[in-house]
């Protein structure tokens, strides 16, 4: 790669979310030829501008990206305005605001997208083994319902690629689906894709022993 040439990462979307007019969403994949076999901070620094530029090409131009601290908690932050500082202590974000995108980074954990069909609110959660044990998916759903006045039947959930058996001892994606179903959600979608099993597309914390990049889930209302 030449010094002046930046790699363009692949991205994917989910049909059920693409079908909802008024919503932009994406899941950014690994960046070809970018060295991320390093510590998390360095890897994220190398990815930051590339992922931002890619978001701009995908419909997020001019929309700032709100983030969570992501400490494997069950805390949900309500985003009412943009801040450069990730929401402290939070692993999920909820907003009813236009002009703000929600972003979650993952590398084996699941990103869970939530959309109110009436376009009153959106949410995004980070749920790996610990977050799933702490039931962050249900807490995020409840926070979205409280913020919008929606009913569970009006909410769609989409689970991103994440690590799955046999490459991980716990099927936390299945538990997320069960948790949301118990909470009354009727429309729960799971792409069923394993990050560990697809090294050509996804970063995997376990496969790379922690020295890897981060995939980016993002969602926003269309301008």
C-alpha atoms as a PDB file:
ATOM      1  CA  UNK A   1       0.000   0.000   0.000  1.00  0.00           C
ATOM      2  CA  UNK A   2       1.436   3.402  -0.938  1.00  0.00           C
ATOM      3  CA  UNK A   3       1.861   6.018   1.829  1.00  0.00           C
ATOM      4  CA  UNK A   4      -0.901   8.184   0.347  1.00  0.00           C
ATOM      5  CA  UNK A   5      -3.357   5.392  -0.253  1.00  0.00           C
ATOM      6  CA  UNK A   6      -5.863   4.566   2.471  1.00  0.00           C
ATOM      7  CA  UNK A   7      -7.586   1.186   2.472  1.00  0.00           C
ATOM      8  CA  UNK A   8     -11.344   1.058   2.163  1.00  0.00           C
ATOM      9  CA  UNK A   9     -13.000  -1.419   4.511  1.00  0.00           C
ATOM     10  CA  UNK A  10     -15.820  -3.636   3.457  1.00  0.00           C
ATOM     11  CA  UNK A  11     -19.210  -3.157   5.034  1.00  0.00           C
ATOM     12  CA  UNK A  12     -22.391  -5.110   5.289  1.00  0.00           C
ATOM     13  CA  UNK A  13     -25.988  -4.345   6.121  1.00  0.00           C
ATOM     14  CA  UNK A  14     -28.973  -6.317   7.351  1.00  0.00           C
ATOM     15  CA  UNK A  15     -32.043  -6.692   5.113  1.00  0.00           C
ATOM     16  CA  UNK A  16     -34.619  -6.141   7.850  1.00  0.00           C
ATOM     17  CA  UNK A  17     -33.029  -2.802   8.795  1.00  0.00           C
ATOM     18  CA  UNK A  18     -32.438  -1.769   5.184  1.00  0.00           C
ATOM     19  CA  UNK A  19     -36.173  -2.168   4.610  1.00  0.00           C
ATOM     20  CA  UNK A  20     -36.982   0.545   7.162  1.00  0.00           C
ATOM     21  CA  UNK A  21     -37.083   3.925   5.457  1.00  0.00           C
ATOM     22  CA  UNK A  22     -35.700   6.689   7.599  1.00  0.00           C
ATOM     23  CA  UNK A  23     -32.848   4.634   9.072  1.00  0.00           C
ATOM     24  CA  UNK A  24     -29.193   4.408   8.087  1.00  0.00           C
ATOM     25  CA  UNK A  25     -27.195   1.495   9.443  1.00  0.00           C
ATOM     26  CA  UNK A  26     -24.003  -0.379   8.686  1.00  0.00           C
ATOM     27  CA  UNK A  27     -21.565  -2.945  10.038  1.00  0.00           C
ATOM     28  CA  UNK A  28     -18.004  -2.103   9.019  1.00  0.00           C
ATOM     29  CA  UNK A  29     -15.744  -5.089   8.437  1.00  0.00           C
ATOM     30  CA  UNK A  30     -11.986  -5.441   8.646  1.00  0.00           C
ATOM     31  CA  UNK A  31      -9.756  -3.093   6.659  1.00  0.00           C
ATOM     32  CA  UNK A  32      -7.584  -4.973   4.150  1.00  0.00           C
ATOM     33  CA  UNK A  33      -3.827  -4.542   4.564  1.00  0.00           C
ATOM     34  CA  UNK A  34      -4.086  -2.389   7.691  1.00  0.00           C
ATOM     35  CA  UNK A  35      -1.821  -3.589  10.506  1.00  0.00           C
ATOM     36  CA  UNK A  36      -3.958  -3.983  13.619  1.00  0.00           C
ATOM     37  CA  UNK A  37      -1.971  -6.758  15.305  1.00  0.00           C
ATOM     38  CA  UNK A  38      -1.244  -4.518  18.236  1.00  0.00           C
ATOM     39  CA  UNK A  39      -2.855  -3.204  21.425  1.00  0.00           C
ATOM     40  CA  UNK A  40      -6.442  -1.965  21.360  1.00  0.00           C
ATOM     41  CA  UNK A  41      -5.623   1.754  21.620  1.00  0.00           C
ATOM     42  CA  UNK A  42      -3.168   1.663  18.722  1.00  0.00           C
ATOM     43  CA  UNK A  43      -5.471  -0.443  16.565  1.00  0.00           C
ATOM     44  CA  UNK A  44      -8.404   1.878  17.190  1.00  0.00           C
ATOM     45  CA  UNK A  45      -6.259   4.894  16.343  1.00  0.00           C
ATOM     46  CA  UNK A  46      -5.286   3.352  13.014  1.00  0.00           C
ATOM     47  CA  UNK A  47      -8.896   2.506  12.214  1.00  0.00           C
ATOM     48  CA  UNK A  48     -10.543   5.752  13.308  1.00  0.00           C
ATOM     49  CA  UNK A  49     -10.149   7.986  10.257  1.00  0.00           C
ATOM     50  CA  UNK A  50     -10.766   5.128   7.826  1.00  0.00           C
ATOM     51  CA  UNK A  51     -13.977   4.100   9.527  1.00  0.00           C
ATOM     52  CA  UNK A  52     -15.149   7.722   9.707  1.00  0.00           C
ATOM     53  CA  UNK A  53     -14.532   8.266   5.997  1.00  0.00           C
ATOM     54  CA  UNK A  54     -16.327   5.043   5.194  1.00  0.00           C
ATOM     55  CA  UNK A  55     -19.336   6.067   7.269  1.00  0.00           C
ATOM     56  CA  UNK A  56     -19.470   9.286   5.267  1.00  0.00           C
ATOM     57  CA  UNK A  57     -19.643   7.332   2.013  1.00  0.00           C
ATOM     58  CA  UNK A  58     -22.477   5.193   3.395  1.00  0.00           C
ATOM     59  CA  UNK A  59     -24.965   7.929   4.243  1.00  0.00           C
ATOM     60  CA  UNK A  60     -23.609   9.145   7.583  1.00  0.00           C
ATOM     61  CA  UNK A  61     -21.880  12.253   6.189  1.00  0.00           C
ATOM     62  CA  UNK A  62     -22.046  15.145   8.628  1.00  0.00           C
ATOM     63  CA  UNK A  63     -23.545  12.966  11.373  1.00  0.00           C
ATOM     64  CA  UNK A  64     -21.341  12.729  14.490  1.00  0.00           C
ATOM     65  CA  UNK A  65     -20.841   9.312  16.062  1.00  0.00           C
ATOM     66  CA  UNK A  66     -21.773   8.929  19.732  1.00  0.00           C
ATOM     67  CA  UNK A  67     -19.987   6.074  21.472  1.00  0.00           C
ATOM     68  CA  UNK A  68     -20.067   4.138  24.746  1.00  0.00           C
ATOM     69  CA  UNK A  69     -17.127   3.394  27.023  1.00  0.00           C
ATOM     70  CA  UNK A  70     -17.795  -0.352  26.642  1.00  0.00           C
ATOM     71  CA  UNK A  71     -16.594  -1.948  29.867  1.00  0.00           C
ATOM     72  CA  UNK A  72     -18.819  -5.066  29.670  1.00  0.00           C
ATOM     73  CA  UNK A  73     -21.436  -3.499  31.940  1.00  0.00           C
ATOM     74  CA  UNK A  74     -25.232  -3.499  31.766  1.00  0.00           C
ATOM     75  CA  UNK A  75     -25.519   0.283  31.748  1.00  0.00           C
ATOM     76  CA  UNK A  76     -27.512   2.088  29.049  1.00  0.00           C
ATOM     77  CA  UNK A  77     -26.899   5.763  28.248  1.00  0.00           C
ATOM     78  CA  UNK A  78     -29.539   8.098  26.801  1.00  0.00           C
ATOM     79  CA  UNK A  79     -27.915  10.212  24.078  1.00  0.00           C
ATOM     80  CA  UNK A  80     -29.474  13.672  23.834  1.00  0.00           C
ATOM     81  CA  UNK A  81     -26.535  15.506  22.288  1.00  0.00           C
ATOM     82  CA  UNK A  82     -23.134  14.730  20.833  1.00  0.00           C
ATOM     83  CA  UNK A  83     -19.990  14.454  22.949  1.00  0.00           C
ATOM     84  CA  UNK A  84     -16.495  13.415  21.898  1.00  0.00           C
ATOM     85  CA  UNK A  85     -16.240  11.523  25.183  1.00  0.00           C
ATOM     86  CA  UNK A  86     -17.737   8.009  25.130  1.00  0.00           C
ATOM     87  CA  UNK A  87     -20.675   7.637  27.534  1.00  0.00           C
ATOM     88  CA  UNK A  88     -18.969   6.691  30.842  1.00  0.00           C
ATOM     89  CA  UNK A  89     -19.647   3.202  32.149  1.00  0.00           C
ATOM     90  CA  UNK A  90     -22.110   2.425  29.368  1.00  0.00           C
ATOM     91  CA  UNK A  91     -22.272  -0.493  26.946  1.00  0.00           C
ATOM     92  CA  UNK A  92     -25.472   0.566  25.186  1.00  0.00           C
ATOM     93  CA  UNK A  93     -26.852   3.773  23.718  1.00  0.00           C
ATOM     94  CA  UNK A  94     -30.415   4.964  23.131  1.00  0.00           C
ATOM     95  CA  UNK A  95     -31.515   8.095  21.301  1.00  0.00           C
ATOM     96  CA  UNK A  96     -34.610   9.785  19.948  1.00  0.00           C
ATOM     97  CA  UNK A  97     -32.548  12.561  18.378  1.00  0.00           C
ATOM     98  CA  UNK A  98     -31.977  13.214  14.706  1.00  0.00           C
ATOM     99  CA  UNK A  99     -28.496  14.222  13.631  1.00  0.00           C
ATOM    100  CA  UNK A 100     -26.630  11.814  15.930  1.00  0.00           C
ATOM    101  CA  UNK A 101     -25.352   8.344  15.025  1.00  0.00           C
ATOM    102  CA  UNK A 102     -24.814   5.604  17.588  1.00  0.00           C
ATOM    103  CA  UNK A 103     -21.656   3.506  17.333  1.00  0.00           C
ATOM    104  CA  UNK A 104     -20.467   0.306  19.010  1.00  0.00           C
ATOM    105  CA  UNK A 105     -17.133  -1.446  18.369  1.00  0.00           C
ATOM    106  CA  UNK A 106     -16.906  -5.236  18.557  1.00  0.00           C
ATOM    107  CA  UNK A 107     -14.451  -8.055  17.876  1.00  0.00           C
ATOM    108  CA  UNK A 108     -16.336 -11.273  18.804  1.00  0.00           C
ATOM    109  CA  UNK A 109     -18.979  -9.658  21.019  1.00  0.00           C
ATOM    110  CA  UNK A 110     -22.351  -8.941  19.456  1.00  0.00           C
ATOM    111  CA  UNK A 111     -23.709  -5.555  18.489  1.00  0.00           C
ATOM    112  CA  UNK A 112     -27.491  -5.475  18.877  1.00  0.00           C
ATOM    113  CA  UNK A 113     -29.431  -2.943  16.800  1.00  0.00           C
ATOM    114  CA  UNK A 114     -32.883  -1.837  17.975  1.00  0.00           C
ATOM    115  CA  UNK A 115     -35.290   0.198  15.833  1.00  0.00           C
ATOM    116  CA  UNK A 116     -38.774   1.482  16.601  1.00  0.00           C
ATOM    117  CA  UNK A 117     -40.845   0.960  13.446  1.00  0.00           C
ATOM    118  CA  UNK A 118     -42.544   4.314  14.100  1.00  0.00           C
ATOM    119  CA  UNK A 119     -39.092   5.981  14.017  1.00  0.00           C
ATOM    120  CA  UNK A 120     -39.386   7.412  17.513  1.00  0.00           C
ATOM    121  CA  UNK A 121     -36.073   5.973  18.668  1.00  0.00           C
ATOM    122  CA  UNK A 122     -33.103   3.708  18.000  1.00  0.00           C
ATOM    123  CA  UNK A 123     -30.593   1.883  20.187  1.00  0.00           C
ATOM    124  CA  UNK A 124     -27.371  -0.065  19.923  1.00  0.00           C
ATOM    125  CA  UNK A 125     -25.902  -2.430  22.528  1.00  0.00           C
ATOM    126  CA  UNK A 126     -22.608  -4.245  23.063  1.00  0.00           C
ATOM    127  CA  UNK A 127     -23.170  -7.743  24.444  1.00  0.00           C
ATOM    128  CA  UNK A 128     -20.534 -10.418  24.858  1.00  0.00           C
ATOM    129  CA  UNK A 129     -20.526 -13.182  27.432  1.00  0.00           C
ATOM    130  CA  UNK A 130     -20.504 -10.880  30.459  1.00  0.00           C
ATOM    131  CA  UNK A 131     -22.940  -8.345  29.057  1.00  0.00           C
ATOM    132  CA  UNK A 132     -25.318 -11.143  28.151  1.00  0.00           C
ATOM    133  CA  UNK A 133     -25.087 -12.559  31.677  1.00  0.00           C
ATOM    134  CA  UNK A 134     -25.980  -9.064  32.915  1.00  0.00           C
ATOM    135  CA  UNK A 135     -28.941  -8.960  30.490  1.00  0.00           C
ATOM    136  CA  UNK A 136     -27.914  -5.748  28.766  1.00  0.00           C
ATOM    137  CA  UNK A 137     -30.139  -6.568  25.775  1.00  0.00           C
ATOM    138  CA  UNK A 138     -33.292  -6.432  27.891  1.00  0.00           C
ATOM    139  CA  UNK A 139     -32.120  -3.318  29.699  1.00  0.00           C
ATOM    140  CA  UNK A 140     -31.513  -1.605  26.365  1.00  0.00           C
ATOM    141  CA  UNK A 141     -34.936  -2.609  25.092  1.00  0.00           C
ATOM    142  CA  UNK A 142     -36.603  -1.263  28.232  1.00  0.00           C
ATOM    143  CA  UNK A 143     -34.669   2.001  27.948  1.00  0.00           C
ATOM    144  CA  UNK A 144     -35.805   2.396  24.345  1.00  0.00           C
ATOM    145  CA  UNK A 145     -39.420   1.674  25.262  1.00  0.00           C
ATOM    146  CA  UNK A 146     -39.243   4.223  28.081  1.00  0.00           C
ATOM    147  CA  UNK A 147     -37.729   6.856  25.784  1.00  0.00           C
ATOM    148  CA  UNK A 148     -40.247   6.390  22.975  1.00  0.00           C
ATOM    149  CA  UNK A 149     -43.460   5.105  24.529  1.00  0.00           C
ATOM    150  CA  UNK A 150     -43.335   2.213  22.081  1.00  0.00           C
ATOM    151  CA  UNK A 151     -44.543  -1.297  22.760  1.00  0.00           C
ATOM    152  CA  UNK A 152     -42.307  -4.372  22.318  1.00  0.00           C
ATOM    153  CA  UNK A 153     -44.294  -5.413  19.228  1.00  0.00           C
ATOM    154  CA  UNK A 154     -43.165  -2.182  17.529  1.00  0.00           C
ATOM    155  CA  UNK A 155     -39.443  -2.855  18.013  1.00  0.00           C
ATOM    156  CA  UNK A 156     -37.119  -4.768  15.694  1.00  0.00           C
ATOM    157  CA  UNK A 157     -33.835  -6.226  16.965  1.00  0.00           C
ATOM    158  CA  UNK A 158     -30.901  -7.364  14.834  1.00  0.00           C
ATOM    159  CA  UNK A 159     -27.894  -9.286  16.193  1.00  0.00           C
ATOM    160  CA  UNK A 160     -24.609  -8.754  14.360  1.00  0.00           C
ATOM    161  CA  UNK A 161     -21.913 -11.289  13.552  1.00  0.00           C
ATOM    162  CA  UNK A 162     -20.222 -12.526  16.741  1.00  0.00           C
ATOM    163  CA  UNK A 163     -18.233 -15.505  17.958  1.00  0.00           C
ATOM    164  CA  UNK A 164     -20.229 -18.726  18.210  1.00  0.00           C
ATOM    165  CA  UNK A 165     -19.752 -22.410  19.080  1.00  0.00           C
ATOM    166  CA  UNK A 166     -17.679 -24.452  18.443  1.00  0.00           C
ATOM    167  CA  UNK A 167     -15.175 -21.583  18.612  1.00  0.00           C
ATOM    168  CA  UNK A 168     -16.592 -20.320  21.888  1.00  0.00           C
ATOM    169  CA  UNK A 169     -17.923 -22.288  24.815  1.00  0.00           C
ATOM    170  CA  UNK A 170     -21.047 -20.167  25.285  1.00  0.00           C
ATOM    171  CA  UNK A 171     -23.681 -19.384  22.660  1.00  0.00           C
ATOM    172  CA  UNK A 172     -24.467 -15.944  23.959  1.00  0.00           C
ATOM    173  CA  UNK A 173     -26.259 -14.945  20.736  1.00  0.00           C
ATOM    174  CA  UNK A 174     -28.840 -17.645  21.459  1.00  0.00           C
ATOM    175  CA  UNK A 175     -29.211 -16.336  25.015  1.00  0.00           C
ATOM    176  CA  UNK A 176     -29.698 -12.788  23.705  1.00  0.00           C
ATOM    177  CA  UNK A 177     -32.518 -14.042  21.500  1.00  0.00           C
ATOM    178  CA  UNK A 178     -34.096 -15.813  24.475  1.00  0.00           C
ATOM    179  CA  UNK A 179     -33.800 -12.757  26.706  1.00  0.00           C
ATOM    180  CA  UNK A 180     -35.465 -10.488  24.172  1.00  0.00           C
ATOM    181  CA  UNK A 181     -38.226 -13.014  23.520  1.00  0.00           C
ATOM    182  CA  UNK A 182     -38.930 -13.229  27.253  1.00  0.00           C
ATOM    183  CA  UNK A 183     -39.111  -9.421  27.307  1.00  0.00           C
ATOM    184  CA  UNK A 184     -41.924  -9.542  24.761  1.00  0.00           C
ATOM    185  CA  UNK A 185     -40.040  -8.759  21.577  1.00  0.00           C
ATOM    186  CA  UNK A 186     -41.573 -10.528  18.588  1.00  0.00           C
ATOM    187  CA  UNK A 187     -39.180  -9.604  15.800  1.00  0.00           C
ATOM    188  CA  UNK A 188     -35.645 -10.736  16.617  1.00  0.00           C
ATOM    189  CA  UNK A 189     -33.200 -11.269  13.764  1.00  0.00           C
ATOM    190  CA  UNK A 190     -29.804 -12.934  13.988  1.00  0.00           C
ATOM    191  CA  UNK A 191     -27.441 -13.152  11.023  1.00  0.00           C
ATOM    192  CA  UNK A 192     -26.027 -16.422  12.499  1.00  0.00           C
ATOM    193  CA  UNK A 193     -22.503 -15.481  11.342  1.00  0.00           C
ATOM    194  CA  UNK A 194     -19.395 -16.356  13.379  1.00  0.00           C
ATOM    195  CA  UNK A 195     -16.589 -13.804  13.512  1.00  0.00           C
ATOM    196  CA  UNK A 196     -13.950 -16.403  14.432  1.00  0.00           C
ATOM    197  CA  UNK A 197     -14.832 -18.567  11.406  1.00  0.00           C
ATOM    198  CA  UNK A 198     -14.472 -15.770   8.849  1.00  0.00           C
ATOM    199  CA  UNK A 199     -10.932 -14.351   9.064  1.00  0.00           C
ATOM    200  CA  UNK A 200     -11.223 -12.737   5.634  1.00  0.00           C
ATOM    201  CA  UNK A 201     -14.035 -10.448   6.840  1.00  0.00           C
ATOM    202  CA  UNK A 202     -14.065 -10.037  10.609  1.00  0.00           C
ATOM    203  CA  UNK A 203     -11.650  -9.155  13.381  1.00  0.00           C
ATOM    204  CA  UNK A 204     -11.731 -11.741  16.175  1.00  0.00           C
ATOM    205  CA  UNK A 205     -10.355 -11.078  19.644  1.00  0.00           C
ATOM    206  CA  UNK A 206     -10.080 -14.780  20.440  1.00  0.00           C
ATOM    207  CA  UNK A 207      -8.582 -15.811  17.110  1.00  0.00           C
ATOM    208  CA  UNK A 208      -5.943 -13.067  17.296  1.00  0.00           C
ATOM    209  CA  UNK A 209      -5.317 -13.373  21.052  1.00  0.00           C
ATOM    210  CA  UNK A 210      -6.473  -9.837  21.686  1.00  0.00           C
ATOM    211  CA  UNK A 211      -4.172  -8.159  19.187  1.00  0.00           C
ATOM    212  CA  UNK A 212      -6.647  -7.132  16.525  1.00  0.00           C
ATOM    213  CA  UNK A 213      -8.887  -4.381  15.221  1.00  0.00           C
ATOM    214  CA  UNK A 214     -12.528  -3.636  15.938  1.00  0.00           C
ATOM    215  CA  UNK A 215     -15.571  -3.858  13.709  1.00  0.00           C
ATOM    216  CA  UNK A 216     -17.991  -0.933  13.877  1.00  0.00           C
ATOM    217  CA  UNK A 217     -21.770  -1.076  14.150  1.00  0.00           C
ATOM    218  CA  UNK A 218     -23.515   2.231  13.477  1.00  0.00           C
ATOM    219  CA  UNK A 219     -27.095   3.414  13.201  1.00  0.00           C
ATOM    220  CA  UNK A 220     -28.779   6.781  12.771  1.00  0.00           C
ATOM    221  CA  UNK A 221     -31.938   8.409  11.533  1.00  0.00           C
ATOM    222  CA  UNK A 222     -31.576   9.577   7.953  1.00  0.00           C
ATOM    223  CA  UNK A 223     -31.118  13.347   7.682  1.00  0.00           C
END
